[in-house]
Amino acid sequence: MPKKSDSDSTTNQEISLDRDLNISFLGPEGSYSDEAVNRKFGGHVNKKSSETIEGVFQRVGDKISDYGIVPIENSSEGTVNITLDCLSSSSLKICGELELKINHNLLGINKEIPKESFEIQAHEQTLAQCRIWLDTHYPNVKRIPVSSNSQAAANAKRSKKIYAIAGVLASEKYDLDILKSNIQDYEENTTRFITIGHDEVEQSGKDKTSIVISTKNTPGALYNVLKPINKEGLNLTHLTYRPSKTDKWNYSFFLDFEGHKNEKNVRTLLDNLDKIGEKLKILGSYPQAVE
């Protein structure tokens, strides 16, 4: 039987395995996704990092990993679009979610930051989350977006001319000094991560359902989607959209609302949406994150 942390709510079903779970995450090691794995599953798992979000989906889809953890939304910078695109095209389900408060730090091997001839690296979303701080303190320093914050930390470990923005876990993993702490522009900066897998998760009593629905480019398309949600008295917690990829100016709407797909009012809603949309896909019903 795999060991999991007490806080893990990935599934209410018992997983009959005589081995530790294999978990893929957006890496390298030391990333916030790595920290999310530790929070969600505890230490008794086999962790495998991937350079891309697509790679996490691929490993779980091919059953090389039991689950994957990827970021889907940040409270200050919005949705992670590549995650939405992967959910739309994949057969995998959302099995759980986790909210992680993000504290960004400036890391390096030089304790005294030079006045010039250096650069700051981080994931593009992290650079955006620290924009005001960077504009205030280092307006003329080159900012280089890289695949992940942990990759930036690894680069900073190899060069005195590179500084990284990353978390405490990355500073420990790559033996870097924390030169400035909590440099994010907003104190409550939080990233929502999702667990992806093959499971259909049973009701927990406090659940959320995620769907994607494609509509025609016609007047009132979004209204027709939202009206039945209101009629069933469901709380809509998130709404965003992406181009449909198959027909120009048509869009796919991604919605999260409270309730499990097996609950009566949610079943009624899904039946109604299936009639009005060109395509409806249930991305998963799963326990809500514990705040």
Protein backbone atom coordinates (compact mmCIF):
# COMPACT_ATOMS: atom_id res chain seq x y z
CA MET A 1 0.00 0.00 0.00
CA PRO A 2 1.52 3.38 -0.96
CA LYS A 3 2.14 5.88 1.78
CA LYS A 4 0.43 9.22 1.37
CA SER A 5 0.25 12.34 3.52
CA ASP A 6 -2.78 12.90 5.72
CA SER A 7 -3.64 16.01 3.69
CA ASP A 8 -3.83 14.12 0.40
CA SER A 9 -7.31 14.20 -1.09
CA THR A 10 -6.45 13.06 -4.59
CA THR A 11 -9.00 10.29 -4.40
CA ASN A 12 -11.35 8.76 -1.87
CA GLN A 13 -10.70 5.33 -3.33
CA GLU A 14 -8.08 3.06 -1.87
CA ILE A 15 -5.25 2.38 -4.31
CA SER A 16 -4.15 -1.23 -4.07
CA LEU A 17 -0.45 -1.03 -4.78
CA ASP A 18 2.48 -2.71 -3.07
CA ARG A 19 4.78 0.10 -4.11
CA ASP A 20 5.14 3.85 -3.67
CA LEU A 21 3.33 6.03 -6.17
CA ASN A 22 5.16 7.42 -9.19
CA ILE A 23 4.51 11.15 -9.51
CA SER A 24 5.52 13.40 -12.41
CA PHE A 25 5.85 17.16 -11.97
CA LEU A 26 7.12 20.24 -13.78
CA GLY A 27 10.79 20.39 -12.89
CA PRO A 28 13.70 20.29 -12.49
CA GLU A 29 13.81 19.41 -8.79
CA GLY A 30 13.38 22.36 -6.50
CA SER A 31 10.46 23.88 -8.43
CA TYR A 32 7.21 25.00 -6.85
CA SER A 33 5.61 21.97 -8.52
CA ASP A 34 8.13 19.83 -6.64
CA GLU A 35 7.01 21.50 -3.42
CA ALA A 36 3.39 20.87 -4.38
CA VAL A 37 4.16 17.14 -4.76
CA ASN A 38 5.61 17.12 -1.23
CA ARG A 39 2.53 18.87 0.14
CA LYS A 40 0.06 16.65 -1.69
CA PHE A 41 1.65 13.21 -1.39
CA GLY A 42 4.30 13.46 1.33
CA GLY A 43 7.78 12.02 1.01
CA HIS A 44 7.01 8.36 0.25
CA VAL A 45 6.67 8.69 -3.53
CA ASN A 46 8.94 8.28 -6.52
CA LYS A 47 9.21 11.73 -8.07
CA LYS A 48 10.08 12.28 -11.71
CA SER A 49 10.58 15.78 -13.07
CA SER A 50 9.66 16.84 -16.60
CA GLU A 51 10.94 19.86 -18.50
CA THR A 52 7.46 20.70 -19.78
CA ILE A 53 3.82 20.50 -18.73
CA GLU A 54 3.18 18.47 -21.87
CA GLY A 55 5.79 15.98 -20.66
CA VAL A 56 3.92 15.49 -17.37
CA PHE A 57 0.70 14.73 -19.27
CA GLN A 58 2.59 12.35 -21.55
CA ARG A 59 4.10 10.34 -18.68
CA VAL A 60 0.77 9.98 -16.90
CA GLY A 61 -1.04 9.25 -20.14
CA ASP A 62 1.45 6.47 -20.93
CA LYS A 63 1.07 5.17 -17.33
CA ILE A 64 4.75 5.66 -16.62
CA SER A 65 3.56 7.77 -13.68
CA ASP A 66 0.45 7.20 -11.55
CA TYR A 67 -0.27 10.92 -11.20
CA GLY A 68 1.07 14.26 -12.29
CA ILE A 69 1.06 17.68 -10.70
CA VAL A 70 0.99 20.84 -12.83
CA PRO A 71 0.15 24.51 -12.22
CA ILE A 72 -3.13 25.72 -13.67
CA GLU A 73 -3.70 29.20 -12.25
CA ASN A 74 -1.93 32.01 -10.40
CA SER A 75 -3.81 34.56 -8.34
CA SER A 76 -1.94 37.55 -9.83
CA GLU A 77 -1.03 36.41 -13.36
CA GLY A 78 -4.03 34.25 -14.25
CA THR A 79 -4.37 30.95 -16.05
CA VAL A 80 -1.55 28.69 -17.27
CA ASN A 81 -2.77 28.29 -20.84
CA ILE A 82 -0.67 25.27 -21.79
CA THR A 83 -2.27 23.32 -18.93
CA LEU A 84 -5.74 24.15 -20.28
CA ASP A 85 -4.72 23.08 -23.78
CA CYS A 86 -3.36 19.78 -22.47
CA LEU A 87 -6.54 19.13 -20.46
CA SER A 88 -8.64 19.83 -23.53
CA SER A 89 -6.76 17.36 -25.74
CA SER A 90 -5.98 14.66 -23.16
CA SER A 91 -8.14 11.84 -21.81
CA LEU A 92 -6.71 12.37 -18.31
CA LYS A 93 -8.88 13.63 -15.46
CA ILE A 94 -8.36 16.22 -12.77
CA CYS A 95 -8.21 14.14 -9.57
CA GLY A 96 -7.46 16.85 -7.02
CA GLU A 97 -6.19 20.37 -6.44
CA LEU A 98 -3.83 22.20 -4.11
CA GLU A 99 -3.30 25.90 -3.44
CA LEU A 100 0.27 26.91 -2.63
CA LYS A 101 1.26 30.37 -1.45
CA ILE A 102 4.22 31.48 -3.55
CA ASN A 103 7.05 33.44 -1.94
CA HIS A 104 9.67 34.44 -4.51
CA ASN A 105 13.29 35.02 -3.53
CA LEU A 106 16.35 36.35 -5.33
CA LEU A 107 19.03 33.63 -5.25
CA GLY A 108 22.71 33.60 -6.15
CA ILE A 109 26.22 32.51 -5.15
CA ASN A 110 27.40 36.10 -4.70
CA LYS A 111 26.17 37.55 -1.43
CA GLU A 112 26.81 41.07 -2.73
CA ILE A 113 24.88 41.80 -5.89
CA PRO A 114 27.02 43.69 -8.44
CA LYS A 115 25.79 46.95 -9.94
CA GLU A 116 26.08 45.73 -13.53
CA SER A 117 27.09 42.86 -15.85
CA PHE A 118 24.62 40.29 -14.56
CA GLU A 119 21.18 38.98 -15.43
CA ILE A 120 18.14 37.70 -13.55
CA GLN A 121 16.50 34.47 -14.71
CA ALA A 122 13.13 32.90 -13.86
CA HIS A 123 10.06 31.43 -15.49
CA GLU A 124 8.18 34.12 -17.44
CA GLN A 125 5.24 34.03 -15.03
CA THR A 126 7.59 34.54 -12.08
CA LEU A 127 9.22 37.53 -13.76
CA ALA A 128 5.73 38.95 -14.25
CA GLN A 129 4.82 38.28 -10.60
CA CYS A 130 7.90 40.28 -9.51
CA ARG A 131 7.63 43.04 -12.13
CA ILE A 132 7.16 45.98 -9.75
CA TRP A 133 10.00 44.87 -7.48
CA LEU A 134 12.35 44.37 -10.41
CA ASP A 135 11.40 47.72 -11.95
CA THR A 136 12.09 49.43 -8.64
CA HIS A 137 15.39 47.76 -7.70
CA TYR A 138 16.93 46.58 -10.98
CA PRO A 139 15.25 48.47 -13.84
CA ASN A 140 18.24 48.14 -16.20
CA VAL A 141 19.16 44.51 -15.50
CA LYS A 142 18.41 42.00 -18.24
CA ARG A 143 15.58 39.61 -17.36
CA ILE A 144 15.83 36.21 -19.02
CA PRO A 145 12.79 33.88 -19.09
CA VAL A 146 13.69 30.18 -18.77
CA SER A 147 11.67 26.95 -18.64
CA SER A 148 11.33 26.93 -14.84
CA ASN A 149 12.54 28.68 -11.70
CA SER A 150 14.55 25.62 -10.70
CA GLN A 151 16.30 25.72 -14.08
CA ALA A 152 17.16 29.36 -13.32
CA ALA A 153 18.55 28.25 -9.96
CA ALA A 154 20.64 25.55 -11.63
CA ASN A 155 22.01 28.16 -14.05
CA ALA A 156 22.78 30.55 -11.18
CA LYS A 157 24.74 27.80 -9.46
CA ARG A 158 27.03 27.59 -12.51
CA SER A 159 27.63 31.30 -13.05
CA LYS A 160 28.28 34.32 -10.85
CA LYS A 161 26.72 36.51 -13.52
CA ILE A 162 23.32 34.84 -13.20
CA TYR A 163 20.83 35.36 -10.39
CA ALA A 164 17.60 33.41 -10.08
CA ILE A 165 14.14 34.04 -8.70
CA ALA A 166 12.86 30.89 -7.03
CA GLY A 167 11.64 29.37 -3.78
CA VAL A 168 13.36 28.16 -0.64
CA LEU A 169 13.36 24.56 -1.89
CA ALA A 170 15.42 25.61 -4.92
CA SER A 171 17.89 27.49 -2.74
CA GLU A 172 18.42 24.34 -0.67
CA LYS A 173 18.60 22.02 -3.68
CA TYR A 174 21.23 24.13 -5.51
CA ASP A 175 23.01 25.51 -2.42
CA LEU A 176 22.30 29.16 -3.25
CA ASP A 177 22.12 32.12 -0.90
CA ILE A 178 18.79 33.90 -0.44
CA LEU A 179 19.75 37.50 -1.16
CA LYS A 180 16.30 39.06 -1.03
CA SER A 181 13.16 37.39 0.35
CA ASN A 182 9.50 37.75 -0.61
CA ILE A 183 10.01 39.90 -3.70
CA GLN A 184 6.64 39.04 -5.27
CA ASP A 185 4.53 42.11 -5.97
CA TYR A 186 1.47 40.83 -4.10
CA GLU A 187 1.63 39.36 -0.61
CA GLU A 188 -1.15 36.82 -1.23
CA ASN A 189 0.45 35.48 -4.42
CA THR A 190 -0.91 31.93 -4.72
CA THR A 191 -0.70 29.23 -7.36
CA ARG A 192 -3.32 26.56 -7.82
CA PHE A 193 -1.98 23.14 -8.83
CA ILE A 194 -4.00 20.20 -10.10
CA THR A 195 -3.38 16.48 -9.82
CA ILE A 196 -3.98 14.63 -13.09
CA GLY A 197 -4.57 10.91 -13.48
CA HIS A 198 -6.85 8.22 -14.83
CA ASP A 199 -9.14 8.01 -11.78
CA GLU A 200 -12.79 8.93 -11.47
CA VAL A 201 -12.93 10.43 -7.98
CA GLU A 202 -15.88 9.69 -5.70
CA GLN A 203 -17.84 12.35 -3.82
CA SER A 204 -16.20 13.81 -0.71
CA GLY A 205 -18.99 16.17 0.34
CA LYS A 206 -17.09 19.32 -0.68
CA ASP A 207 -16.25 18.94 -4.33
CA LYS A 208 -15.60 20.91 -7.48
CA THR A 209 -16.28 20.03 -11.11
CA SER A 210 -14.25 21.33 -14.07
CA ILE A 211 -15.56 21.30 -17.63
CA VAL A 212 -14.67 22.68 -21.05
CA ILE A 213 -17.44 23.56 -23.48
CA SER A 214 -17.06 24.72 -27.08
CA THR A 215 -19.66 27.06 -28.54
CA LYS A 216 -20.45 28.58 -31.92
CA ASN A 217 -19.55 32.21 -32.60
CA THR A 218 -23.12 33.43 -32.13
CA PRO A 219 -24.73 36.19 -30.02
CA GLY A 220 -25.40 35.11 -26.43
CA ALA A 221 -23.16 32.01 -26.57
CA LEU A 222 -21.58 32.63 -23.17
CA TYR A 223 -24.88 33.73 -21.64
CA ASN A 224 -26.44 30.44 -22.74
CA VAL A 225 -23.68 28.60 -20.89
CA LEU A 226 -23.95 30.64 -17.69
CA LYS A 227 -27.76 30.76 -17.48
CA PRO A 228 -28.26 27.05 -16.58
CA ILE A 229 -25.48 27.27 -13.97
CA ASN A 230 -27.39 30.04 -12.25
CA LYS A 231 -30.68 28.15 -12.65
CA GLU A 232 -29.26 25.13 -10.80
CA GLY A 233 -27.96 27.37 -8.00
CA LEU A 234 -24.33 26.34 -8.49
CA ASN A 235 -21.42 28.54 -7.45
CA LEU A 236 -19.16 29.32 -10.41
CA THR A 237 -15.60 29.59 -9.06
CA HIS A 238 -13.59 30.10 -12.26
CA LEU A 239 -14.18 31.03 -15.89
CA THR A 240 -11.70 31.50 -18.71
CA TYR A 241 -11.52 30.78 -22.43
CA ARG A 242 -9.16 29.59 -25.13
CA PRO A 243 -9.37 29.62 -28.93
CA SER A 244 -10.97 26.38 -30.12
CA LYS A 245 -7.93 25.52 -32.35
CA THR A 246 -10.25 23.98 -34.95
CA ASP A 247 -12.40 26.89 -36.14
CA LYS A 248 -11.31 30.53 -36.12
CA TRP A 249 -13.18 32.90 -33.82
CA ASN A 250 -14.80 30.00 -31.99
CA TYR A 251 -13.84 29.53 -28.36
CA SER A 252 -13.72 26.89 -25.67
CA PHE A 253 -14.86 28.00 -22.24
CA PHE A 254 -13.26 26.43 -19.16
CA LEU A 255 -15.45 26.53 -16.07
CA ASP A 256 -15.10 25.36 -12.47
CA PHE A 257 -18.13 25.20 -10.19
CA GLU A 258 -18.88 23.71 -6.80
CA GLY A 259 -20.46 20.27 -6.71
CA HIS A 260 -19.73 16.74 -7.92
CA LYS A 261 -20.89 15.44 -11.30
CA ASN A 262 -22.90 12.69 -9.56
CA GLU A 263 -25.03 15.20 -7.64
CA LYS A 264 -28.53 15.69 -9.06
CA ASN A 265 -28.31 19.40 -9.88
CA VAL A 266 -24.88 18.97 -11.49
CA ARG A 267 -26.18 16.09 -13.62
CA THR A 268 -29.09 18.29 -14.73
CA LEU A 269 -26.69 21.10 -15.59
CA LEU A 270 -24.41 18.85 -17.63
CA ASP A 271 -27.38 17.46 -19.56
CA ASN A 272 -28.52 21.00 -20.42
CA LEU A 273 -25.04 22.15 -21.42
CA ASP A 274 -24.60 19.10 -23.61
CA LYS A 275 -27.66 20.21 -25.59
CA ILE A 276 -26.54 23.81 -26.19
CA GLY A 277 -22.80 23.37 -26.78
CA GLU A 278 -21.03 21.97 -29.80
CA LYS A 279 -18.82 19.90 -27.52
CA LEU A 280 -18.83 19.31 -23.76
CA LYS A 281 -16.03 17.58 -21.88
CA ILE A 282 -15.95 16.87 -18.15
CA LEU A 283 -12.38 17.44 -16.98
CA GLY A 284 -13.02 15.97 -13.54
CA SER A 285 -14.91 16.11 -10.27
CA TYR A 286 -12.62 16.23 -7.24
CA PRO A 287 -12.30 17.50 -3.64
CA GLN A 288 -11.82 21.23 -3.30
CA ALA A 289 -8.48 22.51 -2.02
CA VAL A 290 -8.30 23.03 1.72
CA GLU A 291 -7.49 26.67 2.42
